[in-house]
Amino acid sequence: MKIYTRTGDDGTTGLFGGGRVSKSSLRVEVYGTVDELNSVLGVARAANPEDKEMDGILSQLQEELFVLGADLATPIHADKPDGPYVMRLHEGAAASLEGIIDRCEADLEPLKNFILPGGSAQAAQLHLARTICRRAERLSVAFKEEGVTLNAEVLVYLNRLSDLLFVMGRWANHRSGHDEIPWKPRG
């Protein structure tokens, strides 16, 4: 199978549920941002593969982001019985992230002030991932406001995932012995 098909040379891309849309469409922007987030999580994994617990969580998140991307890329009507089947983010996916947040926070001191993103290479990548996740969330809201029917779990999941990525950035610093950098306003 060749990687190039030439079908997108006109600036459109095919949707799994059928039809073609402009590569500049909000749908493509949303699932493309989720793909970007997934890639950054891959970089975060590569930054510290020796931490098996962290790697396991990040691996799980990458799998879930593939499902989320497929969910966003496929119009809801497309998975009716007479259409193609696509995996959708399941109800409760966001709630499962809360358990991971609780697990990570059990190792951390409570926050007393804002912190600057950074520290270890893995923590910095996780903070970057958090900002990309927030962008995906904003784009998903805009997409929904266009009148597109979204899986109800999408917005909840992205909101919770950004919380988790913030906590995981802190957790990565804790696990690697890096101090958090408090934000100290000047003046």
N, C-alpha and C. Protein backbone atom coordinates (compact mmCIF):
# COMPACT_ATOMS: atom_id res chain seq x y z
N MET A 1 0.84 -1.18 0.00
CA MET A 1 0.00 0.00 0.00
C MET A 1 0.89 1.24 0.00
N LYS A 2 0.65 2.14 -0.92
CA LYS A 2 1.42 3.38 -0.99
C LYS A 2 0.87 4.38 0.00
N ILE A 3 1.77 5.19 0.55
CA ILE A 3 1.36 6.21 1.51
C ILE A 3 0.70 7.39 0.81
N TYR A 4 1.04 7.61 -0.44
CA TYR A 4 0.42 8.73 -1.15
C TYR A 4 -0.68 8.22 -2.07
N THR A 5 -1.79 8.97 -2.08
CA THR A 5 -2.93 8.60 -2.90
C THR A 5 -3.24 9.65 -3.96
N ARG A 6 -2.74 10.83 -3.76
CA ARG A 6 -2.96 11.99 -4.63
C ARG A 6 -4.40 12.53 -4.55
N THR A 7 -5.25 11.88 -3.73
CA THR A 7 -6.64 12.35 -3.66
C THR A 7 -6.75 13.67 -2.90
N GLY A 8 -5.75 14.01 -2.11
CA GLY A 8 -5.78 15.26 -1.36
C GLY A 8 -5.05 16.40 -2.05
N ASP A 9 -4.61 16.18 -3.25
CA ASP A 9 -3.85 17.21 -3.97
C ASP A 9 -4.68 18.46 -4.26
N ASP A 10 -5.99 18.32 -4.18
CA ASP A 10 -6.87 19.47 -4.45
C ASP A 10 -7.22 20.24 -3.17
N GLY A 11 -6.59 19.86 -2.03
CA GLY A 11 -6.85 20.56 -0.77
C GLY A 11 -8.02 20.00 0.02
N THR A 12 -8.46 18.80 -0.34
CA THR A 12 -9.54 18.16 0.41
C THR A 12 -9.04 16.86 1.01
N THR A 13 -9.79 16.36 1.98
CA THR A 13 -9.47 15.08 2.59
C THR A 13 -10.76 14.29 2.76
N GLY A 14 -10.66 12.99 2.71
CA GLY A 14 -11.82 12.13 2.85
C GLY A 14 -12.13 11.85 4.31
N LEU A 15 -13.42 11.79 4.63
CA LEU A 15 -13.86 11.43 5.97
C LEU A 15 -14.21 9.95 5.98
N PHE A 16 -14.00 9.31 7.12
CA PHE A 16 -14.27 7.88 7.24
C PHE A 16 -15.73 7.57 6.94
N GLY A 17 -16.61 8.44 7.35
CA GLY A 17 -18.04 8.20 7.13
C GLY A 17 -18.51 8.57 5.73
N GLY A 18 -17.57 8.95 4.88
CA GLY A 18 -17.92 9.32 3.51
C GLY A 18 -17.84 10.81 3.30
N GLY A 19 -17.65 11.19 2.10
CA GLY A 19 -17.58 12.59 1.75
C GLY A 19 -16.18 13.14 1.89
N ARG A 20 -16.00 14.35 1.35
CA ARG A 20 -14.71 15.02 1.41
C ARG A 20 -14.94 16.41 1.98
N VAL A 21 -13.95 16.91 2.70
CA VAL A 21 -14.01 18.27 3.24
C VAL A 21 -12.67 18.95 2.97
N SER A 22 -12.70 20.27 3.04
CA SER A 22 -11.47 21.04 2.88
C SER A 22 -10.52 20.73 4.02
N LYS A 23 -9.24 20.69 3.71
CA LYS A 23 -8.24 20.47 4.75
C LYS A 23 -8.18 21.64 5.73
N SER A 24 -8.82 22.76 5.38
CA SER A 24 -8.88 23.89 6.30
C SER A 24 -10.15 23.89 7.15
N SER A 25 -10.98 22.86 7.02
CA SER A 25 -12.23 22.82 7.79
C SER A 25 -11.94 22.69 9.28
N LEU A 26 -12.88 23.15 10.06
CA LEU A 26 -12.73 23.07 11.52
C LEU A 26 -12.65 21.62 11.98
N ARG A 27 -13.37 20.73 11.33
CA ARG A 27 -13.29 19.30 11.70
C ARG A 27 -11.85 18.80 11.59
N VAL A 28 -11.19 19.11 10.48
CA VAL A 28 -9.82 18.66 10.26
C VAL A 28 -8.88 19.35 11.26
N GLU A 29 -9.13 20.62 11.56
CA GLU A 29 -8.31 21.34 12.54
C GLU A 29 -8.42 20.69 13.92
N VAL A 30 -9.64 20.29 14.29
CA VAL A 30 -9.84 19.67 15.61
C VAL A 30 -9.12 18.33 15.69
N TYR A 31 -9.38 17.42 14.75
CA TYR A 31 -8.73 16.11 14.88
C TYR A 31 -7.25 16.18 14.58
N GLY A 32 -6.82 17.17 13.80
CA GLY A 32 -5.39 17.37 13.59
C GLY A 32 -4.69 17.83 14.86
N THR A 33 -5.37 18.64 15.65
CA THR A 33 -4.80 19.09 16.92
C THR A 33 -4.71 17.94 17.91
N VAL A 34 -5.69 17.05 17.90
CA VAL A 34 -5.62 15.86 18.74
C VAL A 34 -4.45 14.98 18.31
N ASP A 35 -4.21 14.90 17.01
CA ASP A 35 -3.06 14.14 16.49
C ASP A 35 -1.74 14.78 16.95
N GLU A 36 -1.70 16.11 16.91
CA GLU A 36 -0.51 16.83 17.39
C GLU A 36 -0.28 16.53 18.88
N LEU A 37 -1.34 16.56 19.66
CA LEU A 37 -1.24 16.24 21.08
C LEU A 37 -0.70 14.83 21.27
N ASN A 38 -1.20 13.89 20.50
CA ASN A 38 -0.74 12.51 20.60
C ASN A 38 0.76 12.42 20.30
N SER A 39 1.21 13.16 19.31
CA SER A 39 2.63 13.15 18.95
C SER A 39 3.49 13.72 20.07
N VAL A 40 3.02 14.78 20.71
CA VAL A 40 3.78 15.37 21.82
C VAL A 40 3.85 14.39 22.99
N LEU A 41 2.79 13.63 23.21
CA LEU A 41 2.84 12.61 24.26
C LEU A 41 3.88 11.55 23.91
N GLY A 42 4.04 11.24 22.63
CA GLY A 42 5.09 10.32 22.20
C GLY A 42 6.47 10.87 22.52
N VAL A 43 6.66 12.16 22.34
CA VAL A 43 7.94 12.80 22.68
C VAL A 43 8.15 12.74 24.20
N ALA A 44 7.08 12.98 24.96
CA ALA A 44 7.19 12.90 26.42
C ALA A 44 7.56 11.49 26.87
N ARG A 45 7.01 10.49 26.20
CA ARG A 45 7.37 9.11 26.53
C ARG A 45 8.84 8.85 26.24
N ALA A 46 9.31 9.36 25.11
CA ALA A 46 10.71 9.15 24.71
C ALA A 46 11.68 9.86 25.65
N ALA A 47 11.21 10.91 26.33
CA ALA A 47 12.08 11.66 27.23
C ALA A 47 12.46 10.87 28.48
N ASN A 48 11.65 9.87 28.84
CA ASN A 48 11.93 9.10 30.05
C ASN A 48 11.30 7.71 29.98
N PRO A 49 11.76 6.86 29.07
CA PRO A 49 11.14 5.54 28.91
C PRO A 49 11.40 4.61 30.09
N GLU A 50 12.36 4.96 30.94
CA GLU A 50 12.68 4.09 32.09
C GLU A 50 11.59 4.12 33.15
N ASP A 51 10.79 5.20 33.20
CA ASP A 51 9.72 5.30 34.18
C ASP A 51 8.51 4.53 33.64
N LYS A 52 8.42 3.29 34.00
CA LYS A 52 7.41 2.39 33.44
C LYS A 52 5.98 2.79 33.82
N GLU A 53 5.79 3.31 35.03
CA GLU A 53 4.45 3.71 35.43
C GLU A 53 3.99 4.91 34.59
N MET A 54 4.85 5.91 34.45
CA MET A 54 4.53 7.07 33.63
C MET A 54 4.30 6.65 32.18
N ASP A 55 5.18 5.79 31.68
CA ASP A 55 5.08 5.34 30.30
C ASP A 55 3.76 4.60 30.06
N GLY A 56 3.35 3.79 31.02
CA GLY A 56 2.10 3.06 30.88
C GLY A 56 0.90 4.00 30.79
N ILE A 57 0.91 5.04 31.60
CA ILE A 57 -0.19 6.01 31.56
C ILE A 57 -0.19 6.74 30.23
N LEU A 58 0.99 7.19 29.80
CA LEU A 58 1.07 7.91 28.53
C LEU A 58 0.67 7.03 27.35
N SER A 59 1.03 5.77 27.40
CA SER A 59 0.63 4.82 26.36
C SER A 59 -0.89 4.71 26.30
N GLN A 60 -1.52 4.59 27.45
CA GLN A 60 -2.98 4.52 27.53
C GLN A 60 -3.60 5.78 26.93
N LEU A 61 -3.05 6.94 27.27
CA LEU A 61 -3.58 8.20 26.75
C LEU A 61 -3.44 8.27 25.23
N GLN A 62 -2.31 7.79 24.71
CA GLN A 62 -2.13 7.80 23.26
C GLN A 62 -3.18 6.92 22.57
N GLU A 63 -3.47 5.77 23.15
CA GLU A 63 -4.50 4.89 22.58
C GLU A 63 -5.86 5.60 22.59
N GLU A 64 -6.17 6.25 23.70
CA GLU A 64 -7.45 6.94 23.82
C GLU A 64 -7.52 8.12 22.84
N LEU A 65 -6.40 8.79 22.61
CA LEU A 65 -6.40 9.92 21.67
C LEU A 65 -6.62 9.45 20.24
N PHE A 66 -6.17 8.23 19.91
CA PHE A 66 -6.47 7.69 18.57
C PHE A 66 -7.98 7.50 18.42
N VAL A 67 -8.61 6.99 19.45
CA VAL A 67 -10.07 6.82 19.41
C VAL A 67 -10.75 8.18 19.32
N LEU A 68 -10.27 9.14 20.11
CA LEU A 68 -10.84 10.48 20.08
C LEU A 68 -10.70 11.10 18.69
N GLY A 69 -9.54 10.95 18.07
CA GLY A 69 -9.33 11.48 16.73
C GLY A 69 -10.29 10.87 15.72
N ALA A 70 -10.48 9.56 15.80
CA ALA A 70 -11.42 8.89 14.90
C ALA A 70 -12.84 9.37 15.16
N ASP A 71 -13.17 9.55 16.42
CA ASP A 71 -14.48 10.04 16.81
C ASP A 71 -14.74 11.41 16.18
N LEU A 72 -13.77 12.31 16.32
CA LEU A 72 -13.92 13.66 15.78
C LEU A 72 -13.91 13.69 14.24
N ALA A 73 -13.19 12.76 13.64
CA ALA A 73 -13.05 12.74 12.18
C ALA A 73 -14.25 12.12 11.48
N THR A 74 -15.12 11.48 12.24
CA THR A 74 -16.25 10.77 11.64
C THR A 74 -17.56 11.40 12.09
N PRO A 75 -18.33 11.96 11.16
CA PRO A 75 -19.62 12.52 11.55
C PRO A 75 -20.45 11.50 12.32
N ILE A 76 -21.15 11.98 13.31
CA ILE A 76 -21.95 11.09 14.17
C ILE A 76 -22.91 10.24 13.35
N HIS A 77 -23.55 10.81 12.34
CA HIS A 77 -24.51 10.04 11.54
C HIS A 77 -23.85 8.89 10.79
N ALA A 78 -22.52 8.94 10.63
CA ALA A 78 -21.84 7.95 9.79
C ALA A 78 -21.75 6.57 10.42
N ASP A 79 -21.96 6.45 11.73
CA ASP A 79 -21.82 5.11 12.32
C ASP A 79 -23.18 4.48 12.63
N LYS A 80 -24.21 4.92 11.91
CA LYS A 80 -25.51 4.27 12.00
C LYS A 80 -25.35 2.86 11.43
N PRO A 81 -26.28 1.99 11.70
CA PRO A 81 -26.14 0.60 11.22
C PRO A 81 -25.86 0.47 9.72
N ASP A 82 -26.33 1.42 8.92
CA ASP A 82 -26.09 1.30 7.49
C ASP A 82 -24.80 2.00 7.06
N GLY A 83 -24.06 2.55 8.02
CA GLY A 83 -22.81 3.24 7.70
C GLY A 83 -21.63 2.50 8.30
N PRO A 84 -20.42 3.03 8.10
CA PRO A 84 -19.22 2.37 8.63
C PRO A 84 -19.17 2.48 10.16
N TYR A 85 -18.59 1.50 10.77
CA TYR A 85 -18.42 1.51 12.22
C TYR A 85 -17.16 2.28 12.58
N VAL A 86 -17.25 3.12 13.59
CA VAL A 86 -16.07 3.82 14.10
C VAL A 86 -16.13 3.74 15.63
N MET A 87 -14.97 3.54 16.22
CA MET A 87 -14.91 3.56 17.68
C MET A 87 -15.17 4.99 18.14
N ARG A 88 -15.92 5.12 19.20
CA ARG A 88 -16.20 6.42 19.80
C ARG A 88 -15.65 6.41 21.22
N LEU A 89 -15.29 7.58 21.69
CA LEU A 89 -14.86 7.71 23.08
C LEU A 89 -16.02 7.27 23.96
N HIS A 90 -15.77 6.33 24.85
CA HIS A 90 -16.87 5.75 25.64
C HIS A 90 -17.24 6.63 26.82
N GLU A 91 -18.49 6.52 27.22
CA GLU A 91 -18.96 7.26 28.38
C GLU A 91 -18.15 6.81 29.59
N GLY A 92 -17.69 7.74 30.35
CA GLY A 92 -16.88 7.43 31.52
C GLY A 92 -15.39 7.51 31.26
N ALA A 93 -14.99 7.77 30.02
CA ALA A 93 -13.56 7.87 29.71
C ALA A 93 -12.91 8.99 30.53
N ALA A 94 -13.62 10.10 30.66
CA ALA A 94 -13.08 11.22 31.44
C ALA A 94 -12.99 10.85 32.92
N ALA A 95 -13.96 10.13 33.40
CA ALA A 95 -13.95 9.75 34.82
C ALA A 95 -12.74 8.87 35.14
N SER A 96 -12.32 8.04 34.19
CA SER A 96 -11.15 7.19 34.44
C SER A 96 -9.89 8.04 34.59
N LEU A 97 -9.87 9.21 33.95
CA LEU A 97 -8.71 10.10 34.09
C LEU A 97 -8.62 10.66 35.51
N GLU A 98 -9.76 10.82 36.16
CA GLU A 98 -9.76 11.34 37.53
C GLU A 98 -9.01 10.42 38.48
N GLY A 99 -9.13 9.13 38.27
CA GLY A 99 -8.39 8.18 39.11
C GLY A 99 -6.90 8.33 38.93
N ILE A 100 -6.48 8.60 37.70
CA ILE A 100 -5.04 8.80 37.45
C ILE A 100 -4.58 10.11 38.08
N ILE A 101 -5.41 11.14 37.99
CA ILE A 101 -5.07 12.41 38.64
C ILE A 101 -4.88 12.20 40.13
N ASP A 102 -5.82 11.49 40.74
CA ASP A 102 -5.72 11.22 42.18
C ASP A 102 -4.45 10.45 42.52
N ARG A 103 -4.10 9.46 41.68
CA ARG A 103 -2.89 8.67 41.91
C ARG A 103 -1.66 9.57 41.87
N CYS A 104 -1.57 10.42 40.87
CA CYS A 104 -0.40 11.30 40.73
C CYS A 104 -0.34 12.32 41.86
N GLU A 105 -1.48 12.92 42.19
CA GLU A 105 -1.49 13.95 43.23
C GLU A 105 -1.15 13.41 44.60
N ALA A 106 -1.33 12.11 44.81
CA ALA A 106 -0.99 11.51 46.11
C ALA A 106 0.49 11.67 46.42
N ASP A 107 1.33 11.80 45.39
CA ASP A 107 2.77 11.96 45.58
C ASP A 107 3.21 13.42 45.68
N LEU A 108 2.30 14.35 45.43
CA LEU A 108 2.68 15.76 45.30
C LEU A 108 2.25 16.60 46.48
N GLU A 109 3.05 17.63 46.73
CA GLU A 109 2.65 18.64 47.71
C GLU A 109 1.55 19.49 47.09
N PRO A 110 0.61 19.96 47.90
CA PRO A 110 -0.43 20.83 47.34
C PRO A 110 0.20 22.11 46.76
N LEU A 111 -0.40 22.59 45.69
CA LEU A 111 0.09 23.83 45.08
C LEU A 111 -0.20 25.01 46.00
N LYS A 112 0.80 25.88 46.14
CA LYS A 112 0.63 27.08 46.96
C LYS A 112 0.71 28.33 46.11
N ASN A 113 1.14 28.17 44.86
CA ASN A 113 1.26 29.30 43.95
C ASN A 113 1.30 28.76 42.52
N PHE A 114 1.24 29.67 41.56
CA PHE A 114 1.37 29.27 40.17
C PHE A 114 2.79 28.80 39.92
N ILE A 115 2.94 27.87 38.99
CA ILE A 115 4.27 27.40 38.63
C ILE A 115 4.51 27.64 37.14
N LEU A 116 5.78 27.81 36.80
CA LEU A 116 6.15 27.97 35.41
C LEU A 116 6.32 26.60 34.78
N PRO A 117 5.87 26.43 33.54
CA PRO A 117 6.08 25.15 32.86
C PRO A 117 7.57 24.90 32.68
N GLY A 118 7.99 23.69 32.91
CA GLY A 118 9.40 23.35 32.73
C GLY A 118 9.85 22.32 33.73
N GLY A 119 11.14 22.31 33.96
CA GLY A 119 11.74 21.33 34.85
C GLY A 119 12.46 20.29 34.01
N SER A 120 12.09 19.04 34.19
CA SER A 120 12.70 17.98 33.40
C SER A 120 12.19 18.05 31.96
N ALA A 121 12.88 17.37 31.05
CA ALA A 121 12.45 17.35 29.65
C ALA A 121 11.05 16.76 29.54
N GLN A 122 10.78 15.70 30.30
CA GLN A 122 9.46 15.07 30.23
C GLN A 122 8.39 16.01 30.79
N ALA A 123 8.66 16.67 31.89
CA ALA A 123 7.69 17.61 32.46
C ALA A 123 7.40 18.74 31.49
N ALA A 124 8.43 19.27 30.85
CA ALA A 124 8.22 20.35 29.89
C ALA A 124 7.34 19.89 28.73
N GLN A 125 7.54 18.66 28.25
CA GLN A 125 6.71 18.13 27.17
C GLN A 125 5.27 17.94 27.63
N LEU A 126 5.08 17.52 28.87
CA LEU A 126 3.73 17.34 29.39
C LEU A 126 3.01 18.68 29.54
N HIS A 127 3.74 19.72 29.94
CA HIS A 127 3.13 21.05 30.00
C HIS A 127 2.77 21.54 28.60
N LEU A 128 3.63 21.27 27.62
CA LEU A 128 3.31 21.62 26.23
C LEU A 128 2.06 20.85 25.78
N ALA A 129 2.00 19.58 26.12
CA ALA A 129 0.84 18.76 25.77
C ALA A 129 -0.44 19.35 26.37
N ARG A 130 -0.34 19.85 27.60
CA ARG A 130 -1.51 20.46 28.24
C ARG A 130 -2.03 21.64 27.43
N THR A 131 -1.13 22.47 26.92
CA THR A 131 -1.58 23.64 26.16
C THR A 131 -2.19 23.21 24.82
N ILE A 132 -1.65 22.18 24.21
CA ILE A 132 -2.23 21.67 22.96
C ILE A 132 -3.61 21.06 23.24
N CYS A 133 -3.73 20.39 24.36
CA CYS A 133 -5.01 19.82 24.75
C CYS A 133 -6.06 20.92 24.94
N ARG A 134 -5.67 22.01 25.57
CA ARG A 134 -6.59 23.13 25.76
C ARG A 134 -7.01 23.71 24.40
N ARG A 135 -6.08 23.77 23.45
CA ARG A 135 -6.43 24.24 22.11
C ARG A 135 -7.43 23.29 21.45
N ALA A 136 -7.19 21.99 21.58
CA ALA A 136 -8.14 21.01 21.03
C ALA A 136 -9.51 21.18 21.66
N GLU A 137 -9.53 21.48 22.95
CA GLU A 137 -10.80 21.69 23.64
C GLU A 137 -11.51 22.94 23.08
N ARG A 138 -10.77 24.03 22.92
CA ARG A 138 -11.37 25.26 22.39
C ARG A 138 -11.91 25.04 20.97
N LEU A 139 -11.13 24.34 20.16
CA LEU A 139 -11.56 24.05 18.79
C LEU A 139 -12.81 23.16 18.78
N SER A 140 -12.87 22.21 19.70
CA SER A 140 -14.03 21.33 19.80
C SER A 140 -15.28 22.12 20.18
N VAL A 141 -15.12 23.08 21.07
CA VAL A 141 -16.25 23.94 21.45
C VAL A 141 -16.71 24.74 20.23
N ALA A 142 -15.77 25.32 19.49
CA ALA A 142 -16.12 26.08 18.30
C ALA A 142 -16.81 25.18 17.27
N PHE A 143 -16.34 23.96 17.13
CA PHE A 143 -16.92 23.00 16.20
C PHE A 143 -18.37 22.70 16.60
N LYS A 144 -18.59 22.49 17.88
CA LYS A 144 -19.94 22.23 18.38
C LYS A 144 -20.83 23.45 18.17
N GLU A 145 -20.26 24.64 18.37
CA GLU A 145 -21.04 25.87 18.19
C GLU A 145 -21.42 26.10 16.73
N GLU A 146 -20.75 25.42 15.80
CA GLU A 146 -21.13 25.47 14.39
C GLU A 146 -22.37 24.61 14.12
N GLY A 147 -22.82 23.90 15.14
CA GLY A 147 -24.00 23.06 14.98
C GLY A 147 -23.70 21.60 14.71
N VAL A 148 -22.42 21.22 14.81
CA VAL A 148 -22.03 19.83 14.59
C VAL A 148 -22.36 19.02 15.85
N THR A 149 -22.92 17.85 15.65
CA THR A 149 -23.19 16.97 16.78
C THR A 149 -21.91 16.25 17.16
N LEU A 150 -21.48 16.45 18.40
CA LEU A 150 -20.29 15.78 18.93
C LEU A 150 -20.71 14.74 19.95
N ASN A 151 -19.92 13.70 20.07
CA ASN A 151 -20.05 12.77 21.16
C ASN A 151 -19.95 13.59 22.45
N ALA A 152 -20.90 13.46 23.34
CA ALA A 152 -20.95 14.26 24.57
C ALA A 152 -19.70 14.08 25.42
N GLU A 153 -19.01 12.97 25.30
CA GLU A 153 -17.83 12.70 26.13
C GLU A 153 -16.61 13.50 25.68
N VAL A 154 -16.60 13.99 24.44
CA VAL A 154 -15.41 14.65 23.89
C VAL A 154 -14.97 15.85 24.73
N LEU A 155 -15.88 16.79 24.99
CA LEU A 155 -15.50 18.00 25.72
C LEU A 155 -15.12 17.69 27.16
N VAL A 156 -15.84 16.78 27.78
CA VAL A 156 -15.53 16.40 29.16
C VAL A 156 -14.14 15.76 29.21
N TYR A 157 -13.86 14.87 28.26
CA TYR A 157 -12.57 14.18 28.22
C TYR A 157 -11.42 15.17 28.04
N LEU A 158 -11.55 16.07 27.08
CA LEU A 158 -10.47 17.03 26.84
C LEU A 158 -10.24 17.94 28.04
N ASN A 159 -11.31 18.35 28.69
CA ASN A 159 -11.17 19.19 29.89
C ASN A 159 -10.42 18.44 30.99
N ARG A 160 -10.81 17.20 31.23
CA ARG A 160 -10.16 16.41 32.27
C ARG A 160 -8.74 16.05 31.89
N LEU A 161 -8.51 15.77 30.60
CA LEU A 161 -7.17 15.42 30.15
C LEU A 161 -6.20 16.57 30.36
N SER A 162 -6.63 17.79 30.12
CA SER A 162 -5.71 18.92 30.34
C SER A 162 -5.36 19.03 31.82
N ASP A 163 -6.32 18.77 32.70
CA ASP A 163 -6.02 18.74 34.15
C ASP A 163 -4.98 17.66 34.45
N LEU A 164 -5.20 16.48 33.88
CA LEU A 164 -4.27 15.37 34.10
C LEU A 164 -2.87 15.71 33.60
N LEU A 165 -2.77 16.31 32.43
CA LEU A 165 -1.45 16.63 31.88
C LEU A 165 -0.71 17.65 32.73
N PHE A 166 -1.44 18.59 33.32
CA PHE A 166 -0.82 19.54 34.25
C PHE A 166 -0.25 18.79 35.46
N VAL A 167 -1.07 17.92 36.04
CA VAL A 167 -0.64 17.16 37.21
C VAL A 167 0.52 16.22 36.84
N MET A 168 0.46 15.62 35.65
CA MET A 168 1.54 14.72 35.23
C MET A 168 2.85 15.48 35.01
N GLY A 169 2.77 16.74 34.55
CA GLY A 169 3.97 17.56 34.43
C GLY A 169 4.60 17.76 35.79
N ARG A 170 3.79 18.07 36.78
CA ARG A 170 4.30 18.21 38.16
C ARG A 170 4.85 16.87 38.66
N TRP A 171 4.14 15.80 38.36
CA TRP A 171 4.52 14.47 38.82
C TRP A 171 5.84 14.05 38.20
N ALA A 172 6.02 14.37 36.92
CA ALA A 172 7.28 14.04 36.24
C ALA A 172 8.45 14.75 36.91
N ASN A 173 8.26 16.00 37.27
CA ASN A 173 9.33 16.71 37.98
C ASN A 173 9.60 16.07 39.34
N HIS A 174 8.55 15.74 40.05
CA HIS A 174 8.71 15.10 41.36
C HIS A 174 9.47 13.79 41.24
N ARG A 175 9.08 12.97 40.27
CA ARG A 175 9.69 11.65 40.12
C ARG A 175 11.14 11.72 39.66
N SER A 176 11.50 12.81 38.97
CA SER A 176 12.88 12.94 38.48
C SER A 176 13.74 13.82 39.39
N GLY A 177 13.15 14.31 40.48
CA GLY A 177 13.92 15.12 41.43
C GLY A 177 14.11 16.57 41.01
N HIS A 178 13.32 17.05 40.06
CA HIS A 178 13.41 18.45 39.64
C HIS A 178 12.44 19.30 40.47
N ASP A 179 12.92 20.44 40.92
CA ASP A 179 12.06 21.36 41.65
C ASP A 179 11.13 22.07 40.68
N GLU A 180 9.94 22.38 41.16
CA GLU A 180 9.04 23.21 40.39
C GLU A 180 9.50 24.65 40.52
N ILE A 181 9.24 25.42 39.48
CA ILE A 181 9.67 26.82 39.47
C ILE A 181 8.44 27.68 39.75
N PRO A 182 8.38 28.28 40.94
CA PRO A 182 7.21 29.12 41.24
C PRO A 182 7.24 30.40 40.40
N TRP A 183 6.06 30.84 40.01
CA TRP A 183 5.95 32.10 39.30
C TRP A 183 5.97 33.22 40.33
N LYS A 184 6.89 34.13 40.16
CA LYS A 184 7.02 35.28 41.06
C LYS A 184 6.85 36.54 40.23
N PRO A 185 5.68 37.15 40.32
CA PRO A 185 5.45 38.36 39.52
C PRO A 185 6.48 39.43 39.85
N ARG A 186 6.94 40.10 38.83
CA ARG A 186 7.91 41.17 39.04
C ARG A 186 7.17 42.46 39.28
N GLY A 187 7.78 43.30 40.13
CA GLY A 187 7.18 44.63 40.38
C GLY A 187 6.25 44.51 41.50
